[in-house]
Amino acid sequence: MRAPVAGWLFVTPMIVILGLFLILPIVMALWVSVSNWSGRGSPFGGSTQFVGIANYSDLLTKPGLARQDFMTSLRNTFFYVIGVVPLQTALALMLAVLVNQKFLRGRTFFRTAFYFPSVVSSVAITLVFLFLFAGSGAVNGALAWVGINGPNWFADPRGLIHLAGDWIGVWNINDPPSVLTGTRLVNLSLWEWIKGPSVAMSAIMLQVIWTTAGTFMLMFLAALQDLPVEVEEAARVDGANARQRFWNVTIPHLRPTIMLVVTLGIIGTWQVFDQVYIGGRGAPSKTTLTPAYLSYQSAFVNQKWGQGAAMAFLLFLLIFVLTQIQRRVLRDKDAARDDKLQRTQRRQARKARGTA
């Protein structure tokens, strides 16, 4: 009896801390999402009433500004995730392979330099990018030097897909096809859905890719240094060139790390807040609006705490579903086959017990 008692004594402080600072706030937020709490007093007070799924229906089914803004934020973040996650993963892997080369001099310096943006305050970096991408900033100055008239990035609401279609002559961005403007999907027209990330959101995406690649580079670097030397040497003896060794030896070894990096990337991009808050707070024309910022705005600015909490839980469900899909897509085939075999064996064991 002493061992279980001692175990409970060791874990009780952590259980209490998690209960007070994690589980209890989640339960309170869940109650707020199904109530009409005004933000004053206790959310469990007598003035707070249960409203059921009204806050969720306002966001998902009820026509209105709340639903339109929420769908707009989902569209913006969808393009943001599609643009950031693959590029930051590829850049992190490329940097890890580069600084892992034994012939590279000053590897410690380059590792520190590539990782440094990840530890700098995101607020400070966003302010720097606001100056760089301003109408008279250094980026537009460099573009003008090669004969390109750059936009005022953080003030330009145009979408990249719209601009690309206009450039190649698919449509006129000022006179879009009626079939795209007339057909609506969850309160937004197809023309708005295929808009793509705005020029302002693209600038934020570039910033995030630059600041997060260093962190993921360290993960890939640790996995590369764990690669068995014997396997690499065997592939070299078999006549495999550098490209073949990379795709057939290195990448399979990095599969768990790639899955981890993509999962963290998806979670982080769907929760983007500080860059949007500093970079424009949804401007221009709500093209940088994200669910995390919209949840903050609804609760802390508009005092619609139930609606803000409902957005947070919907965002949690969306992230959970996407990470599960990504996990199934990227997981190793051998591991999937082993999981299927174990499930089959468990079913057979249950049937055998039932027959007995």
Foldseek 3Di string as FASTA:
>chain_A
DVVVVVVCVVCVVVVVVCVVPPVVVLVLLVQLLQWFDLPPDRCPDPVIDGNGCPLVCVQFPDDDDNVVLQVLQVLLLVLLLVLQLVLLLVLLLVLLVVLLDPVDPPSVVSLCVQQVLQPDDPLVLLVVLLQQLAQPHVVQVVCVVVPDRDDRQLAFFFAPQLVVCCVVVVAPSVDGDCQQCVDDDSNHGNCSSRRHQTSNSVSVSVSVSSNCSSVLSVLLNVLVVVQDPVVVVVCVVVPDDPVCCCVPRVCVSCLVSSLVSSLVSLVDSLQDDSSCVSSPLCDDVNSNRHLNSVLCCVCVPVSRSNSSSSSVVVSVVVSVVVSVVSCVVRPDPVVVVVVVVVVVVVVVVVVVVVVD
